Amino acid sequence: MARDIPYLTLFAFSTENWKRPVDEVNHLMGLFVSALEGEVSKLHKNGIRLRVIGDLQPFTPRLQALIASAEARTAGNDRLTLTIAANYGGQWDIQQAFGGWLKARHAAGRSTAEPVSPKDIDLEPYLAMAYAPNPDLLIRTGGEQRTSNFLLWQSAYAELYFTDTLWPAFDAAQMEQALAWYAQRER
């Protein structure tokens, strides 16, 4: 927050992560619960708004309630919006946005049978992160050279920074390196 970065989005759990072994998924869900129970007060104290994007329906009622409570508690904060992508995938996001667009079109009295051209379709208001600007920088840790279905629509013009550093070891110094790299880019 020392750099006045207004939005930070972390990819915590992808839609594909459900394919991992059950005990690993359960462990990850436990970590999510622990983080929500233990960190929300710190977020609130520091003026950080927490938002969670993704399909939350498969989560346990307890986890859904913790997410809703954390979002409500931090809703008035404006120093930083921290978004956690949980059970999120960029393809899912585009599909659900298209569903939202169709629903709005139908609510406006437009028939789904009417011809539509691609320029008529504006999905951005229906994307999970419609509340935030598109990212300028996407940092991928762990040595992989792919975006792994993360913010596919929103990252179309983002600068992509790849590092071999694993996520748990990605610290403030690593972030400074990424930001210095980004500052050298011509946009």
C-alpha atoms as a PDB file:
ATOM      1  CA  MET A   1       0.000   0.000   0.000  1.00  0.00           C
ATOM      2  CA  ALA A   2       3.041   2.252   0.231  1.00  0.00           C
ATOM      3  CA  ARG A   3       2.839   2.610  -3.551  1.00  0.00           C
ATOM      4  CA  ASP A   4      -0.812   3.631  -3.596  1.00  0.00           C
ATOM      5  CA  ILE A   5      -1.897   0.639  -5.628  1.00  0.00           C
ATOM      6  CA  PRO A   6      -5.700   0.850  -5.434  1.00  0.00           C
ATOM      7  CA  TYR A   7      -6.498  -2.705  -6.593  1.00  0.00           C
ATOM      8  CA  LEU A   8      -4.771  -6.017  -5.948  1.00  0.00           C
ATOM      9  CA  THR A   9      -6.219  -9.308  -7.124  1.00  0.00           C
ATOM     10  CA  LEU A  10      -4.894 -12.681  -5.987  1.00  0.00           C
ATOM     11  CA  PHE A  11      -5.730 -15.994  -7.645  1.00  0.00           C
ATOM     12  CA  ALA A  12      -6.341 -18.275  -4.671  1.00  0.00           C
ATOM     13  CA  PHE A  13      -8.299 -21.197  -6.112  1.00  0.00           C
ATOM     14  CA  SER A  14      -9.188 -21.884  -9.728  1.00  0.00           C
ATOM     15  CA  THR A  15     -12.193 -23.735 -11.071  1.00  0.00           C
ATOM     16  CA  GLU A  16      -9.713 -26.419 -12.148  1.00  0.00           C
ATOM     17  CA  ASN A  17      -8.389 -26.871  -8.585  1.00  0.00           C
ATOM     18  CA  TRP A  18     -11.384 -29.075  -7.738  1.00  0.00           C
ATOM     19  CA  LYS A  19      -9.593 -31.798  -9.752  1.00  0.00           C
ATOM     20  CA  ARG A  20      -6.829 -31.983  -7.141  1.00  0.00           C
ATOM     21  CA  PRO A  21      -6.876 -34.754  -4.508  1.00  0.00           C
ATOM     22  CA  VAL A  22      -9.727 -34.337  -2.005  1.00  0.00           C
ATOM     23  CA  ASP A  23      -7.422 -33.962   0.995  1.00  0.00           C
ATOM     24  CA  GLU A  24      -5.508 -31.184  -0.791  1.00  0.00           C
ATOM     25  CA  VAL A  25      -8.753 -29.361  -1.658  1.00  0.00           C
ATOM     26  CA  ASN A  26      -9.940 -29.735   1.944  1.00  0.00           C
ATOM     27  CA  HIS A  27      -6.625 -28.333   3.178  1.00  0.00           C
ATOM     28  CA  LEU A  28      -6.927 -25.330   0.842  1.00  0.00           C
ATOM     29  CA  MET A  29     -10.502 -24.705   1.994  1.00  0.00           C
ATOM     30  CA  GLY A  30      -9.302 -24.884   5.603  1.00  0.00           C
ATOM     31  CA  LEU A  31      -6.624 -22.293   4.859  1.00  0.00           C
ATOM     32  CA  PHE A  32      -9.265 -20.048   3.297  1.00  0.00           C
ATOM     33  CA  VAL A  33     -11.481 -20.350   6.389  1.00  0.00           C
ATOM     34  CA  SER A  34      -8.516 -19.658   8.696  1.00  0.00           C
ATOM     35  CA  ALA A  35      -7.498 -16.605   6.674  1.00  0.00           C
ATOM     36  CA  LEU A  36     -11.024 -15.201   6.750  1.00  0.00           C
ATOM     37  CA  GLU A  37     -11.330 -15.808  10.487  1.00  0.00           C
ATOM     38  CA  GLY A  38      -7.900 -14.422  11.318  1.00  0.00           C
ATOM     39  CA  GLU A  39      -7.137 -11.644   8.855  1.00  0.00           C
ATOM     40  CA  VAL A  40     -10.339  -9.679   8.244  1.00  0.00           C
ATOM     41  CA  SER A  41      -9.841  -7.525  11.352  1.00  0.00           C
ATOM     42  CA  LYS A  42      -6.368  -6.543  10.093  1.00  0.00           C
ATOM     43  CA  LEU A  43      -7.744  -5.745   6.653  1.00  0.00           C
ATOM     44  CA  HIS A  44     -10.471  -3.596   8.164  1.00  0.00           C
ATOM     45  CA  LYS A  45      -8.045  -1.812  10.510  1.00  0.00           C
ATOM     46  CA  ASN A  46      -5.829  -0.965   7.521  1.00  0.00           C
ATOM     47  CA  GLY A  47      -8.679   0.364   5.377  1.00  0.00           C
ATOM     48  CA  ILE A  48      -8.643  -2.562   2.966  1.00  0.00           C
ATOM     49  CA  ARG A  49     -11.821  -3.660   1.261  1.00  0.00           C
ATOM     50  CA  LEU A  50     -12.086  -7.397   0.637  1.00  0.00           C
ATOM     51  CA  ARG A  51     -13.988  -8.772  -2.325  1.00  0.00           C
ATOM     52  CA  VAL A  52     -14.193 -12.386  -3.429  1.00  0.00           C
ATOM     53  CA  ILE A  53     -14.951 -13.290  -7.037  1.00  0.00           C
ATOM     54  CA  GLY A  54     -15.806 -16.661  -8.492  1.00  0.00           C
ATOM     55  CA  ASP A  55     -18.565 -19.230  -8.285  1.00  0.00           C
ATOM     56  CA  LEU A  56     -19.107 -19.439  -4.537  1.00  0.00           C
ATOM     57  CA  GLN A  57     -21.975 -21.948  -4.669  1.00  0.00           C
ATOM     58  CA  PRO A  58     -19.781 -25.076  -4.313  1.00  0.00           C
ATOM     59  CA  PHE A  59     -18.270 -23.740  -1.074  1.00  0.00           C
ATOM     60  CA  THR A  60     -19.680 -24.861   2.266  1.00  0.00           C
ATOM     61  CA  PRO A  61     -22.374 -22.666   3.824  1.00  0.00           C
ATOM     62  CA  ARG A  62     -19.868 -21.741   6.564  1.00  0.00           C
ATOM     63  CA  LEU A  63     -17.286 -20.547   4.038  1.00  0.00           C
ATOM     64  CA  GLN A  64     -19.940 -18.636   2.083  1.00  0.00           C
ATOM     65  CA  ALA A  65     -21.072 -16.946   5.313  1.00  0.00           C
ATOM     66  CA  LEU A  66     -17.484 -16.005   6.233  1.00  0.00           C
ATOM     67  CA  ILE A  67     -16.969 -14.488   2.784  1.00  0.00           C
ATOM     68  CA  ALA A  68     -20.217 -12.502   3.002  1.00  0.00           C
ATOM     69  CA  SER A  69     -19.358 -11.292   6.506  1.00  0.00           C
ATOM     70  CA  ALA A  70     -15.827 -10.238   5.511  1.00  0.00           C
ATOM     71  CA  GLU A  71     -17.084  -8.388   2.445  1.00  0.00           C
ATOM     72  CA  ALA A  72     -19.772  -6.612   4.475  1.00  0.00           C
ATOM     73  CA  ARG A  73     -17.362  -5.669   7.266  1.00  0.00           C
ATOM     74  CA  THR A  74     -14.826  -4.130   4.886  1.00  0.00           C
ATOM     75  CA  ALA A  75     -17.280  -2.663   2.346  1.00  0.00           C
ATOM     76  CA  GLY A  76     -16.689   0.946   3.395  1.00  0.00           C
ATOM     77  CA  ASN A  77     -12.899   0.767   3.198  1.00  0.00           C
ATOM     78  CA  ASP A  78     -11.126   2.528   0.350  1.00  0.00           C
ATOM     79  CA  ARG A  79      -7.318   2.418   0.804  1.00  0.00           C
ATOM     80  CA  LEU A  80      -7.051  -0.761  -1.268  1.00  0.00           C
ATOM     81  CA  THR A  81      -9.508  -3.192  -2.796  1.00  0.00           C
ATOM     82  CA  LEU A  82      -8.116  -6.693  -2.293  1.00  0.00           C
ATOM     83  CA  THR A  83      -9.888  -9.181  -4.524  1.00  0.00           C
ATOM     84  CA  ILE A  84      -9.502 -12.895  -3.923  1.00  0.00           C
ATOM     85  CA  ALA A  85     -10.361 -15.060  -6.922  1.00  0.00           C
ATOM     86  CA  ALA A  86     -11.750 -18.291  -5.461  1.00  0.00           C
ATOM     87  CA  ASN A  87     -13.317 -21.000  -7.598  1.00  0.00           C
ATOM     88  CA  TYR A  88     -12.658 -18.561 -10.391  1.00  0.00           C
ATOM     89  CA  GLY A  89     -11.748 -19.110 -14.017  1.00  0.00           C
ATOM     90  CA  GLY A  90     -11.619 -16.593 -16.830  1.00  0.00           C
ATOM     91  CA  GLN A  91     -13.716 -18.820 -19.078  1.00  0.00           C
ATOM     92  CA  TRP A  92     -16.329 -19.159 -16.316  1.00  0.00           C
ATOM     93  CA  ASP A  93     -16.307 -15.373 -15.906  1.00  0.00           C
ATOM     94  CA  ILE A  94     -16.941 -14.752 -19.609  1.00  0.00           C
ATOM     95  CA  GLN A  95     -19.713 -17.370 -19.653  1.00  0.00           C
ATOM     96  CA  GLN A  96     -21.465 -15.949 -16.593  1.00  0.00           C
ATOM     97  CA  ALA A  97     -21.073 -12.412 -17.997  1.00  0.00           C
ATOM     98  CA  PHE A  98     -22.717 -13.495 -21.236  1.00  0.00           C
ATOM     99  CA  GLY A  99     -25.544 -15.012 -19.184  1.00  0.00           C
ATOM    100  CA  GLY A 100     -25.934 -11.686 -17.366  1.00  0.00           C
ATOM    101  CA  TRP A 101     -25.950  -9.810 -20.659  1.00  0.00           C
ATOM    102  CA  LEU A 102     -28.652 -12.122 -22.059  1.00  0.00           C
ATOM    103  CA  LYS A 103     -30.731 -11.731 -18.906  1.00  0.00           C
ATOM    104  CA  ALA A 104     -30.503  -7.918 -19.112  1.00  0.00           C
ATOM    105  CA  ARG A 105     -31.358  -8.028 -22.804  1.00  0.00           C
ATOM    106  CA  HIS A 106     -34.426 -10.136 -22.054  1.00  0.00           C
ATOM    107  CA  ALA A 107     -35.428  -7.830 -19.162  1.00  0.00           C
ATOM    108  CA  ALA A 108     -35.252  -4.902 -21.598  1.00  0.00           C
ATOM    109  CA  GLY A 109     -37.794  -6.670 -23.809  1.00  0.00           C
ATOM    110  CA  ARG A 110     -35.331  -7.757 -26.477  1.00  0.00           C
ATOM    111  CA  SER A 111     -35.833 -11.210 -27.911  1.00  0.00           C
ATOM    112  CA  THR A 112     -32.965 -13.676 -27.805  1.00  0.00           C
ATOM    113  CA  ALA A 113     -34.010 -14.574 -31.361  1.00  0.00           C
ATOM    114  CA  GLU A 114     -33.109 -11.088 -32.651  1.00  0.00           C
ATOM    115  CA  PRO A 115     -29.879 -11.005 -34.640  1.00  0.00           C
ATOM    116  CA  VAL A 116     -26.883  -9.774 -32.666  1.00  0.00           C
ATOM    117  CA  SER A 117     -23.487  -8.709 -33.935  1.00  0.00           C
ATOM    118  CA  PRO A 118     -20.362  -8.900 -31.752  1.00  0.00           C
ATOM    119  CA  LYS A 119     -20.233  -5.087 -31.472  1.00  0.00           C
ATOM    120  CA  ASP A 120     -23.668  -5.196 -29.813  1.00  0.00           C
ATOM    121  CA  ILE A 121     -22.407  -7.384 -26.980  1.00  0.00           C
ATOM    122  CA  ASP A 122     -20.909  -5.486 -24.042  1.00  0.00           C
ATOM    123  CA  LEU A 123     -19.905  -8.025 -21.404  1.00  0.00           C
ATOM    124  CA  GLU A 124     -17.769  -5.747 -19.241  1.00  0.00           C
ATOM    125  CA  PRO A 125     -20.599  -4.632 -16.915  1.00  0.00           C
ATOM    126  CA  TYR A 126     -21.339  -8.293 -16.140  1.00  0.00           C
ATOM    127  CA  LEU A 127     -17.806  -9.539 -15.466  1.00  0.00           C
ATOM    128  CA  ALA A 128     -16.963 -10.509 -11.895  1.00  0.00           C
ATOM    129  CA  MET A 129     -14.590  -7.540 -11.559  1.00  0.00           C
ATOM    130  CA  ALA A 130     -16.788  -4.930 -13.231  1.00  0.00           C
ATOM    131  CA  TYR A 131     -16.157  -2.720 -10.179  1.00  0.00           C
ATOM    132  CA  ALA A 132     -12.434  -2.369 -10.961  1.00  0.00           C
ATOM    133  CA  PRO A 133     -10.326  -1.128 -13.851  1.00  0.00           C
ATOM    134  CA  ASN A 134      -8.591  -3.733 -15.975  1.00  0.00           C
ATOM    135  CA  PRO A 135      -5.177  -4.674 -14.591  1.00  0.00           C
ATOM    136  CA  ASP A 136      -2.053  -2.973 -15.871  1.00  0.00           C
ATOM    137  CA  LEU A 137       0.252  -5.706 -14.583  1.00  0.00           C
ATOM    138  CA  LEU A 138      -0.301  -9.435 -14.176  1.00  0.00           C
ATOM    139  CA  ILE A 139       2.368 -11.223 -12.126  1.00  0.00           C
ATOM    140  CA  ARG A 140       2.682 -14.984 -12.553  1.00  0.00           C
ATOM    141  CA  THR A 141       4.759 -16.749  -9.911  1.00  0.00           C
ATOM    142  CA  GLY A 142       6.126 -20.282  -9.871  1.00  0.00           C
ATOM    143  CA  GLY A 143       7.976 -20.351 -13.180  1.00  0.00           C
ATOM    144  CA  GLU A 144       4.978 -21.062 -15.393  1.00  0.00           C
ATOM    145  CA  GLN A 145       4.687 -19.048 -18.619  1.00  0.00           C
ATOM    146  CA  ARG A 146       0.894 -18.967 -18.836  1.00  0.00           C
ATOM    147  CA  THR A 147      -2.003 -17.076 -17.302  1.00  0.00           C
ATOM    148  CA  SER A 148      -3.847 -20.248 -16.253  1.00  0.00           C
ATOM    149  CA  ASN A 149      -7.363 -19.028 -17.067  1.00  0.00           C
ATOM    150  CA  PHE A 150      -6.994 -15.940 -14.865  1.00  0.00           C
ATOM    151  CA  LEU A 151      -8.776 -12.701 -15.792  1.00  0.00           C
ATOM    152  CA  LEU A 152      -8.791 -13.624 -19.478  1.00  0.00           C
ATOM    153  CA  TRP A 153     -10.967 -10.720 -20.594  1.00  0.00           C
ATOM    154  CA  GLN A 154      -9.555  -8.147 -18.202  1.00  0.00           C
ATOM    155  CA  SER A 155      -5.869  -8.904 -18.838  1.00  0.00           C
ATOM    156  CA  ALA A 156      -6.023  -8.508 -22.630  1.00  0.00           C
ATOM    157  CA  TYR A 157      -3.718  -5.470 -22.491  1.00  0.00           C
ATOM    158  CA  ALA A 158      -1.932  -6.119 -19.204  1.00  0.00           C
ATOM    159  CA  GLU A 159       1.828  -6.415 -19.047  1.00  0.00           C
ATOM    160  CA  LEU A 160       2.727 -10.005 -18.125  1.00  0.00           C
ATOM    161  CA  TYR A 161       5.546 -10.522 -15.620  1.00  0.00           C
ATOM    162  CA  PHE A 162       6.771 -14.059 -15.044  1.00  0.00           C
ATOM    163  CA  THR A 163       8.973 -15.069 -12.129  1.00  0.00           C
ATOM    164  CA  ASP A 164      10.362 -18.401 -10.965  1.00  0.00           C
ATOM    165  CA  THR A 165       9.718 -17.366  -7.364  1.00  0.00           C
ATOM    166  CA  LEU A 166       6.987 -19.466  -5.772  1.00  0.00           C
ATOM    167  CA  TRP A 167       4.012 -17.583  -4.328  1.00  0.00           C
ATOM    168  CA  PRO A 168       4.855 -18.121  -0.634  1.00  0.00           C
ATOM    169  CA  ALA A 169       8.329 -16.623  -1.219  1.00  0.00           C
ATOM    170  CA  PHE A 170       7.066 -13.675  -3.293  1.00  0.00           C
ATOM    171  CA  ASP A 171       7.765 -10.861  -0.853  1.00  0.00           C
ATOM    172  CA  ALA A 172       8.029  -7.070  -0.891  1.00  0.00           C
ATOM    173  CA  ALA A 173      11.443  -7.208  -2.593  1.00  0.00           C
ATOM    174  CA  GLN A 174      10.027  -9.443  -5.329  1.00  0.00           C
ATOM    175  CA  MET A 175       7.109  -7.047  -5.750  1.00  0.00           C
ATOM    176  CA  GLU A 176       9.536  -4.130  -6.077  1.00  0.00           C
ATOM    177  CA  GLN A 177      11.373  -6.030  -8.840  1.00  0.00           C
ATOM    178  CA  ALA A 178       8.102  -6.616 -10.692  1.00  0.00           C
ATOM    179  CA  LEU A 179       7.086  -2.967 -10.338  1.00  0.00           C
ATOM    180  CA  ALA A 180      10.530  -1.786 -11.506  1.00  0.00           C
ATOM    181  CA  TRP A 181      10.217  -4.060 -14.557  1.00  0.00           C
ATOM    182  CA  TYR A 182       6.740  -2.660 -15.212  1.00  0.00           C
ATOM    183  CA  ALA A 183       8.000   0.931 -14.915  1.00  0.00           C
ATOM    184  CA  GLN A 184      10.406   0.244 -17.809  1.00  0.00           C
ATOM    185  CA  ARG A 185       7.601  -0.878 -20.123  1.00  0.00           C
ATOM    186  CA  GLU A 186       6.309   1.517 -22.760  1.00  0.00           C
ATOM    187  CA  ARG A 187       2.534   1.586 -22.822  1.00  0.00           C
END
